[in-house]
C-alpha cells in the first residue's frame, strides 16, 4: 500500500516493463515509508508478466502507455496529483524517510531537481567501483559536455538517483523527451536548470546491481561511458541499442 497515513505533497511515479521479479520487494519497502507519499503511480509500458497485477495488489494507481522511459515518466507526471514527483525505478530500495528528505530538499527554491546518492548492491556484493564511477560522472559529464550549465549548478543525474522535482516546473519545461529510451534523465536535468540548481542529496539509496552482474563490471562501465559520450556528442538516435534491457 501507500505507506503510513500522512499529508504530503509527494507523488511516486514508477515506470515499469516486465518488473514482476522486483515489484514485491519494492512494494514492501514503499509500505514502510514514513511519512508515506500522497500516491503511488505505476506506469506500465506493456508488460508481459505479472507486473500490473502485482502493482494493483499493492494498491497503486495503474496507468498504461507504450513503452519508453521518457514517455512513461511524462505520462506518470501528468497523472500525478502531488506538487512534487519522484521517479523511482522498480529495482530501487528507498530510505524510510525518503518523502521527508524530498520535501525538505525542495523547500529550497534555488533547487529545481535533485536525487539521492545511489549504491549499487546485489545479493552477493556491493559494487563500490561502479558506485564511485556513477557519482563521479554526475560531475564530469556536465563539465565536459555542458560547461556553461555546469557553472550554473547543473549536474547530470540518472534513473538510479531517484530524481525528484516540482511537477509544475517539469510540465513547464516540456518534461522528458517522449521518444527517449535512455538518457532521458540527463536531458531533463539540462531542461530543469533554467529553474535552479540540480543537486545530489548526501543520502544514499540502494539500487540493484543486475546490469553489472549480467555484463560484468568492466563491460558495464564501458557501456555507461559509451552511451554517455554518444549522448554528449549529439548522437542520440537509437542509443538504446547500446544499452540492452536486463530483467
C-alpha atoms as a PDB file:
ATOM      1  CA  UNK A   1       0.000   0.000   0.000  1.00  0.00           C
ATOM      2  CA  UNK A   2       0.991   3.645   0.014  1.00  0.00           C
ATOM      3  CA  UNK A   3       2.537   3.593   3.486  1.00  0.00           C
ATOM      4  CA  UNK A   4       1.584   5.225   6.806  1.00  0.00           C
ATOM      5  CA  UNK A   5      -1.098   7.891   6.577  1.00  0.00           C
ATOM      6  CA  UNK A   6       0.321  11.389   6.218  1.00  0.00           C
ATOM      7  CA  UNK A   7      -0.459  14.599   4.426  1.00  0.00           C
ATOM      8  CA  UNK A   8       2.403  15.032   1.982  1.00  0.00           C
ATOM      9  CA  UNK A   9       2.839  16.679  -1.397  1.00  0.00           C
ATOM     10  CA  UNK A  10       4.892  13.869  -2.947  1.00  0.00           C
ATOM     11  CA  UNK A  11       3.708  11.530  -5.689  1.00  0.00           C
ATOM     12  CA  UNK A  12       5.814   8.479  -6.544  1.00  0.00           C
ATOM     13  CA  UNK A  13       5.940   7.526 -10.234  1.00  0.00           C
ATOM     14  CA  UNK A  14       7.276   4.078 -11.162  1.00  0.00           C
ATOM     15  CA  UNK A  15       7.889   3.423 -14.879  1.00  0.00           C
ATOM     16  CA  UNK A  16       7.840  -0.337 -15.343  1.00  0.00           C
ATOM     17  CA  UNK A  17       8.149  -3.021 -18.001  1.00  0.00           C
ATOM     18  CA  UNK A  18       8.254  -6.698 -17.038  1.00  0.00           C
ATOM     19  CA  UNK A  19       9.344  -5.981 -13.470  1.00  0.00           C
ATOM     20  CA  UNK A  20       7.480  -8.811 -11.716  1.00  0.00           C
ATOM     21  CA  UNK A  21      10.680 -10.055 -10.061  1.00  0.00           C
ATOM     22  CA  UNK A  22      11.440  -6.686  -8.481  1.00  0.00           C
ATOM     23  CA  UNK A  23       7.973  -5.375  -7.571  1.00  0.00           C
ATOM     24  CA  UNK A  24       7.238  -7.478  -4.441  1.00  0.00           C
ATOM     25  CA  UNK A  25      10.377  -6.159  -2.754  1.00  0.00           C
ATOM     26  CA  UNK A  26       9.645  -2.604  -3.873  1.00  0.00           C
ATOM     27  CA  UNK A  27       6.052  -2.805  -2.626  1.00  0.00           C
ATOM     28  CA  UNK A  28       7.254  -3.972   0.769  1.00  0.00           C
ATOM     29  CA  UNK A  29       9.755  -1.132   1.019  1.00  0.00           C
ATOM     30  CA  UNK A  30       7.261   1.528  -0.067  1.00  0.00           C
ATOM     31  CA  UNK A  31       4.792   0.320   2.557  1.00  0.00           C
ATOM     32  CA  UNK A  32       7.370   1.247   5.220  1.00  0.00           C
ATOM     33  CA  UNK A  33       7.866   4.867   4.120  1.00  0.00           C
ATOM     34  CA  UNK A  34       7.255   7.287   6.973  1.00  0.00           C
ATOM     35  CA  UNK A  35       5.674   9.627   6.148  1.00  0.00           C
ATOM     36  CA  UNK A  36       4.016   7.928   3.218  1.00  0.00           C
ATOM     37  CA  UNK A  37       3.545   9.528  -0.198  1.00  0.00           C
ATOM     38  CA  UNK A  38       0.385  11.154  -1.431  1.00  0.00           C
ATOM     39  CA  UNK A  39       0.069   8.405  -4.052  1.00  0.00           C
ATOM     40  CA  UNK A  40       1.979   5.776  -5.992  1.00  0.00           C
ATOM     41  CA  UNK A  41       1.517   5.611  -9.758  1.00  0.00           C
ATOM     42  CA  UNK A  42       2.843   2.652 -11.749  1.00  0.00           C
ATOM     43  CA  UNK A  43       3.222   3.470 -15.441  1.00  0.00           C
ATOM     44  CA  UNK A  44       3.267   0.222 -17.372  1.00  0.00           C
ATOM     45  CA  UNK A  45       4.811   0.079 -20.828  1.00  0.00           C
ATOM     46  CA  UNK A  46       3.111  -3.152 -21.939  1.00  0.00           C
ATOM     47  CA  UNK A  47       4.410  -5.793 -19.538  1.00  0.00           C
ATOM     48  CA  UNK A  48       4.007  -9.445 -20.485  1.00  0.00           C
ATOM     49  CA  UNK A  49       4.459 -10.725 -16.952  1.00  0.00           C
ATOM     50  CA  UNK A  50       2.551 -10.122 -13.696  1.00  0.00           C
ATOM     51  CA  UNK A  51       3.776  -6.544 -13.182  1.00  0.00           C
ATOM     52  CA  UNK A  52       0.341  -4.929 -13.490  1.00  0.00           C
ATOM     53  CA  UNK A  53      -1.346  -7.491 -11.228  1.00  0.00           C
ATOM     54  CA  UNK A  54       1.348  -7.034  -8.573  1.00  0.00           C
ATOM     55  CA  UNK A  55       1.073  -3.243  -8.715  1.00  0.00           C
ATOM     56  CA  UNK A  56      -2.700  -3.465  -8.392  1.00  0.00           C
ATOM     57  CA  UNK A  57      -2.361  -5.821  -5.432  1.00  0.00           C
ATOM     58  CA  UNK A  58      -0.097  -3.253  -3.777  1.00  0.00           C
ATOM     59  CA  UNK A  59      -2.845  -0.648  -4.118  1.00  0.00           C
ATOM     60  CA  UNK A  60      -1.044   1.530  -6.633  1.00  0.00           C
ATOM     61  CA  UNK A  61      -2.703   3.515  -9.376  1.00  0.00           C
ATOM     62  CA  UNK A  62      -2.048   1.973 -12.799  1.00  0.00           C
ATOM     63  CA  UNK A  63      -1.501   3.984 -15.973  1.00  0.00           C
ATOM     64  CA  UNK A  64      -0.695   2.286 -19.274  1.00  0.00           C
ATOM     65  CA  UNK A  65       1.197   3.734 -22.226  1.00  0.00           C
ATOM     66  CA  UNK A  66       3.525   2.484 -24.989  1.00  0.00           C
ATOM     67  CA  UNK A  67       6.986   1.541 -23.731  1.00  0.00           C
ATOM     68  CA  UNK A  68       9.730   4.147 -23.496  1.00  0.00           C
ATOM     69  CA  UNK A  69      11.087   5.585 -20.263  1.00  0.00           C
ATOM     70  CA  UNK A  70      10.773   9.206 -21.384  1.00  0.00           C
ATOM     71  CA  UNK A  71       7.154   8.698 -22.433  1.00  0.00           C
ATOM     72  CA  UNK A  72       6.300   6.691 -19.327  1.00  0.00           C
ATOM     73  CA  UNK A  73       7.718   9.330 -16.998  1.00  0.00           C
ATOM     74  CA  UNK A  74       5.793  12.075 -18.790  1.00  0.00           C
ATOM     75  CA  UNK A  75       2.518  10.166 -18.538  1.00  0.00           C
ATOM     76  CA  UNK A  76       3.095   9.443 -14.858  1.00  0.00           C
ATOM     77  CA  UNK A  77       3.870  13.060 -14.003  1.00  0.00           C
ATOM     78  CA  UNK A  78       0.822  14.261 -15.917  1.00  0.00           C
ATOM     79  CA  UNK A  79      -1.365  11.860 -13.915  1.00  0.00           C
ATOM     80  CA  UNK A  80       0.160  12.844 -10.571  1.00  0.00           C
ATOM     81  CA  UNK A  81      -1.759  14.947  -8.051  1.00  0.00           C
ATOM     82  CA  UNK A  82       1.210  15.927  -5.895  1.00  0.00           C
ATOM     83  CA  UNK A  83       3.121  19.180  -6.216  1.00  0.00           C
ATOM     84  CA  UNK A  84       6.343  17.140  -6.105  1.00  0.00           C
ATOM     85  CA  UNK A  85       7.101  13.982  -8.075  1.00  0.00           C
ATOM     86  CA  UNK A  86       9.842  11.408  -7.502  1.00  0.00           C
ATOM     87  CA  UNK A  87      10.606   8.900 -10.257  1.00  0.00           C
ATOM     88  CA  UNK A  88      11.512   5.578  -8.686  1.00  0.00           C
ATOM     89  CA  UNK A  89      12.802   2.566 -10.596  1.00  0.00           C
ATOM     90  CA  UNK A  90      11.407  -0.839  -9.717  1.00  0.00           C
ATOM     91  CA  UNK A  91      14.770  -2.211  -8.581  1.00  0.00           C
ATOM     92  CA  UNK A  92      15.461   0.596  -6.090  1.00  0.00           C
ATOM     93  CA  UNK A  93      15.351   0.476  -2.287  1.00  0.00           C
ATOM     94  CA  UNK A  94      14.484   3.932  -0.900  1.00  0.00           C
ATOM     95  CA  UNK A  95      15.298   5.123   2.621  1.00  0.00           C
ATOM     96  CA  UNK A  96      12.357   5.032   5.030  1.00  0.00           C
ATOM     97  CA  UNK A  97      12.359   8.844   5.321  1.00  0.00           C
ATOM     98  CA  UNK A  98      12.531   9.414   1.551  1.00  0.00           C
ATOM     99  CA  UNK A  99       9.402  11.571   1.406  1.00  0.00           C
ATOM    100  CA  UNK A 100      10.594  13.832   4.228  1.00  0.00           C
ATOM    101  CA  UNK A 101      14.005  14.262   2.574  1.00  0.00           C
ATOM    102  CA  UNK A 102      12.363  15.175  -0.730  1.00  0.00           C
ATOM    103  CA  UNK A 103      10.114  17.804   0.806  1.00  0.00           C
ATOM    104  CA  UNK A 104      12.933  19.309   2.859  1.00  0.00           C
ATOM    105  CA  UNK A 105      15.248  19.482  -0.157  1.00  0.00           C
ATOM    106  CA  UNK A 106      12.738  21.212  -2.421  1.00  0.00           C
ATOM    107  CA  UNK A 107      11.784  23.680   0.294  1.00  0.00           C
ATOM    108  CA  UNK A 108      14.887  25.441  -1.051  1.00  0.00           C
ATOM    109  CA  UNK A 109      13.509  27.244  -4.111  1.00  0.00           C
ATOM    110  CA  UNK A 110      17.000  27.579  -5.617  1.00  0.00           C
ATOM    111  CA  UNK A 111      16.963  23.811  -6.279  1.00  0.00           C
ATOM    112  CA  UNK A 112      14.934  22.694  -9.289  1.00  0.00           C
ATOM    113  CA  UNK A 113      15.733  18.983  -9.336  1.00  0.00           C
ATOM    114  CA  UNK A 114      17.558  16.613  -7.033  1.00  0.00           C
ATOM    115  CA  UNK A 115      18.319  12.962  -6.484  1.00  0.00           C
ATOM    116  CA  UNK A 116      19.793  10.578  -3.944  1.00  0.00           C
ATOM    117  CA  UNK A 117      23.296   9.111  -3.965  1.00  0.00           C
ATOM    118  CA  UNK A 118      22.866   5.543  -5.234  1.00  0.00           C
ATOM    119  CA  UNK A 119      24.760   2.481  -4.080  1.00  0.00           C
ATOM    120  CA  UNK A 120      24.696  -0.486  -6.467  1.00  0.00           C
ATOM    121  CA  UNK A 121      24.135  -3.606  -4.414  1.00  0.00           C
ATOM    122  CA  UNK A 122      23.176  -7.182  -5.122  1.00  0.00           C
ATOM    123  CA  UNK A 123      22.587 -10.317  -3.085  1.00  0.00           C
ATOM    124  CA  UNK A 124      26.266 -11.238  -3.239  1.00  0.00           C
ATOM    125  CA  UNK A 125      28.217  -7.967  -3.218  1.00  0.00           C
ATOM    126  CA  UNK A 126      28.218  -4.181  -3.278  1.00  0.00           C
ATOM    127  CA  UNK A 127      29.612  -2.699  -6.498  1.00  0.00           C
ATOM    128  CA  UNK A 128      31.760   0.011  -4.972  1.00  0.00           C
ATOM    129  CA  UNK A 129      33.765   0.703  -8.133  1.00  0.00           C
ATOM    130  CA  UNK A 130      30.697   1.287 -10.314  1.00  0.00           C
ATOM    131  CA  UNK A 131      29.053   3.206  -7.474  1.00  0.00           C
ATOM    132  CA  UNK A 132      32.050   5.562  -7.372  1.00  0.00           C
ATOM    133  CA  UNK A 133      32.006   5.991 -11.154  1.00  0.00           C
ATOM    134  CA  UNK A 134      28.298   6.788 -11.091  1.00  0.00           C
ATOM    135  CA  UNK A 135      28.975   9.501  -8.523  1.00  0.00           C
ATOM    136  CA  UNK A 136      31.908  10.919 -10.487  1.00  0.00           C
ATOM    137  CA  UNK A 137      30.042  11.153 -13.783  1.00  0.00           C
ATOM    138  CA  UNK A 138      27.406  13.424 -12.231  1.00  0.00           C
ATOM    139  CA  UNK A 139      30.284  15.930 -12.119  1.00  0.00           C
ATOM    140  CA  UNK A 140      32.451  15.220 -15.146  1.00  0.00           C
ATOM    141  CA  UNK A 141      29.621  14.669 -17.651  1.00  0.00           C
ATOM    142  CA  UNK A 142      28.132  18.185 -17.383  1.00  0.00           C
ATOM    143  CA  UNK A 143      31.605  19.702 -17.045  1.00  0.00           C
ATOM    144  CA  UNK A 144      32.669  18.096 -20.343  1.00  0.00           C
ATOM    145  CA  UNK A 145      29.500  18.466 -22.374  1.00  0.00           C
ATOM    146  CA  UNK A 146      27.595  21.406 -20.865  1.00  0.00           C
ATOM    147  CA  UNK A 147      30.231  23.560 -19.082  1.00  0.00           C
ATOM    148  CA  UNK A 148      28.087  26.712 -19.250  1.00  0.00           C
ATOM    149  CA  UNK A 149      25.295  24.897 -17.404  1.00  0.00           C
ATOM    150  CA  UNK A 150      27.740  23.257 -15.006  1.00  0.00           C
ATOM    151  CA  UNK A 151      28.716  26.745 -13.862  1.00  0.00           C
ATOM    152  CA  UNK A 152      25.030  27.400 -13.146  1.00  0.00           C
ATOM    153  CA  UNK A 153      24.791  24.357 -10.889  1.00  0.00           C
ATOM    154  CA  UNK A 154      23.801  21.641 -13.345  1.00  0.00           C
ATOM    155  CA  UNK A 155      24.732  18.055 -12.541  1.00  0.00           C
ATOM    156  CA  UNK A 156      23.630  15.121 -14.661  1.00  0.00           C
ATOM    157  CA  UNK A 157      21.585  12.614 -12.698  1.00  0.00           C
ATOM    158  CA  UNK A 158      20.147   9.317 -13.882  1.00  0.00           C
ATOM    159  CA  UNK A 159      17.375   6.883 -13.052  1.00  0.00           C
ATOM    160  CA  UNK A 160      19.273   5.198 -10.228  1.00  0.00           C
ATOM    161  CA  UNK A 161      19.300   8.536  -8.372  1.00  0.00           C
ATOM    162  CA  UNK A 162      15.505   8.538  -7.770  1.00  0.00           C
ATOM    163  CA  UNK A 163      15.193  12.028  -9.227  1.00  0.00           C
ATOM    164  CA  UNK A 164      12.568  14.395  -7.833  1.00  0.00           C
ATOM    165  CA  UNK A 165      11.258  17.780  -8.883  1.00  0.00           C
ATOM    166  CA  UNK A 166       8.269  20.117  -8.798  1.00  0.00           C
ATOM    167  CA  UNK A 167       5.523  18.902 -11.110  1.00  0.00           C
ATOM    168  CA  UNK A 168       4.713  22.406 -12.347  1.00  0.00           C
ATOM    169  CA  UNK A 169       8.286  23.083 -13.471  1.00  0.00           C
ATOM    170  CA  UNK A 170       8.583  19.659 -15.102  1.00  0.00           C
ATOM    171  CA  UNK A 171       5.498  20.355 -17.220  1.00  0.00           C
ATOM    172  CA  UNK A 172       6.623  23.908 -17.959  1.00  0.00           C
ATOM    173  CA  UNK A 173       9.972  22.772 -19.394  1.00  0.00           C
ATOM    174  CA  UNK A 174       8.334  20.086 -21.543  1.00  0.00           C
ATOM    175  CA  UNK A 175       9.282  17.116 -19.391  1.00  0.00           C
ATOM    176  CA  UNK A 176      11.328  14.245 -20.776  1.00  0.00           C
ATOM    177  CA  UNK A 177      11.943  13.559 -24.437  1.00  0.00           C
ATOM    178  CA  UNK A 178       8.969  11.295 -25.174  1.00  0.00           C
ATOM    179  CA  UNK A 179      10.969   9.264 -27.688  1.00  0.00           C
ATOM    180  CA  UNK A 180      13.949   8.706 -25.388  1.00  0.00           C
ATOM    181  CA  UNK A 181      14.542   5.207 -24.067  1.00  0.00           C
ATOM    182  CA  UNK A 182      17.868   6.005 -22.392  1.00  0.00           C
ATOM    183  CA  UNK A 183      19.486   9.239 -21.119  1.00  0.00           C
ATOM    184  CA  UNK A 184      16.082  10.879 -20.711  1.00  0.00           C
ATOM    185  CA  UNK A 185      17.071  11.875 -17.178  1.00  0.00           C
ATOM    186  CA  UNK A 186      20.179  13.727 -18.374  1.00  0.00           C
ATOM    187  CA  UNK A 187      18.071  15.685 -20.862  1.00  0.00           C
ATOM    188  CA  UNK A 188      15.675  16.557 -18.067  1.00  0.00           C
ATOM    189  CA  UNK A 189      18.472  17.842 -15.831  1.00  0.00           C
ATOM    190  CA  UNK A 190      19.542  20.207 -18.593  1.00  0.00           C
ATOM    191  CA  UNK A 191      15.990  21.483 -19.112  1.00  0.00           C
ATOM    192  CA  UNK A 192      15.339  21.930 -15.407  1.00  0.00           C
ATOM    193  CA  UNK A 193      18.482  24.002 -14.860  1.00  0.00           C
ATOM    194  CA  UNK A 194      16.539  27.019 -16.131  1.00  0.00           C
ATOM    195  CA  UNK A 195      14.641  26.938 -12.816  1.00  0.00           C
ATOM    196  CA  UNK A 196      17.584  26.385 -10.462  1.00  0.00           C
ATOM    197  CA  UNK A 197      20.375  24.057  -9.384  1.00  0.00           C
ATOM    198  CA  UNK A 198      20.440  20.295  -9.855  1.00  0.00           C
ATOM    199  CA  UNK A 199      21.546  18.744  -6.579  1.00  0.00           C
ATOM    200  CA  UNK A 200      22.769  15.345  -5.450  1.00  0.00           C
ATOM    201  CA  UNK A 201      21.441  14.812  -1.923  1.00  0.00           C
ATOM    202  CA  UNK A 202      24.037  13.380   0.513  1.00  0.00           C
ATOM    203  CA  UNK A 203      21.760  10.498   1.438  1.00  0.00           C
ATOM    204  CA  UNK A 204      22.084   7.070  -0.080  1.00  0.00           C
ATOM    205  CA  UNK A 205      19.564   4.950  -1.929  1.00  0.00           C
ATOM    206  CA  UNK A 206      20.164   1.349  -2.949  1.00  0.00           C
ATOM    207  CA  UNK A 207      19.633   0.077  -6.472  1.00  0.00           C
ATOM    208  CA  UNK A 208      20.055  -3.374  -7.952  1.00  0.00           C
ATOM    209  CA  UNK A 209      23.378  -4.387  -9.479  1.00  0.00           C
ATOM    210  CA  UNK A 210      21.568  -6.558 -12.039  1.00  0.00           C
ATOM    211  CA  UNK A 211      23.209  -4.918 -15.064  1.00  0.00           C
ATOM    212  CA  UNK A 212      26.699  -5.173 -13.572  1.00  0.00           C
ATOM    213  CA  UNK A 213      26.003  -8.776 -12.555  1.00  0.00           C
ATOM    214  CA  UNK A 214      24.840  -9.603 -16.083  1.00  0.00           C
ATOM    215  CA  UNK A 215      27.539  -7.738 -18.019  1.00  0.00           C
ATOM    216  CA  UNK A 216      30.461  -7.707 -15.615  1.00  0.00           C
ATOM    217  CA  UNK A 217      31.914  -4.542 -14.087  1.00  0.00           C
ATOM    218  CA  UNK A 218      34.272  -3.631 -16.942  1.00  0.00           C
ATOM    219  CA  UNK A 219      31.669  -4.098 -19.663  1.00  0.00           C
ATOM    220  CA  UNK A 220      29.017  -2.271 -17.646  1.00  0.00           C
ATOM    221  CA  UNK A 221      31.183   0.792 -17.094  1.00  0.00           C
ATOM    222  CA  UNK A 222      32.256   0.753 -20.747  1.00  0.00           C
ATOM    223  CA  UNK A 223      28.584   0.750 -21.789  1.00  0.00           C
ATOM    224  CA  UNK A 224      27.835   3.624 -19.413  1.00  0.00           C
ATOM    225  CA  UNK A 225      30.761   5.617 -20.818  1.00  0.00           C
ATOM    226  CA  UNK A 226      29.929   4.866 -24.455  1.00  0.00           C
ATOM    227  CA  UNK A 227      26.255   5.784 -24.141  1.00  0.00           C
ATOM    228  CA  UNK A 228      27.104   8.926 -22.176  1.00  0.00           C
ATOM    229  CA  UNK A 229      29.698  10.152 -24.657  1.00  0.00           C
ATOM    230  CA  UNK A 230      27.469   9.417 -27.663  1.00  0.00           C
ATOM    231  CA  UNK A 231      24.675  11.382 -25.991  1.00  0.00           C
ATOM    232  CA  UNK A 232      27.023  14.229 -25.095  1.00  0.00           C
ATOM    233  CA  UNK A 233      28.298  14.451 -28.670  1.00  0.00           C
ATOM    234  CA  UNK A 234      24.763  14.610 -30.041  1.00  0.00           C
ATOM    235  CA  UNK A 235      24.481  11.064 -31.457  1.00  0.00           C
ATOM    236  CA  UNK A 236      21.173  10.372 -29.751  1.00  0.00           C
ATOM    237  CA  UNK A 237      19.246   8.264 -32.244  1.00  0.00           C
ATOM    238  CA  UNK A 238      18.805   4.642 -31.220  1.00  0.00           C
ATOM    239  CA  UNK A 239      21.067   4.946 -28.181  1.00  0.00           C
ATOM    240  CA  UNK A 240      19.107   2.109 -26.606  1.00  0.00           C
ATOM    241  CA  UNK A 241      20.788  -0.382 -28.960  1.00  0.00           C
ATOM    242  CA  UNK A 242      23.930   0.122 -26.893  1.00  0.00           C
ATOM    243  CA  UNK A 243      22.029  -0.330 -23.610  1.00  0.00           C
ATOM    244  CA  UNK A 244      20.138  -3.651 -23.636  1.00  0.00           C
ATOM    245  CA  UNK A 245      17.447  -4.400 -21.094  1.00  0.00           C
ATOM    246  CA  UNK A 246      18.269  -6.629 -18.138  1.00  0.00           C
ATOM    247  CA  UNK A 247      15.404  -8.074 -16.106  1.00  0.00           C
END
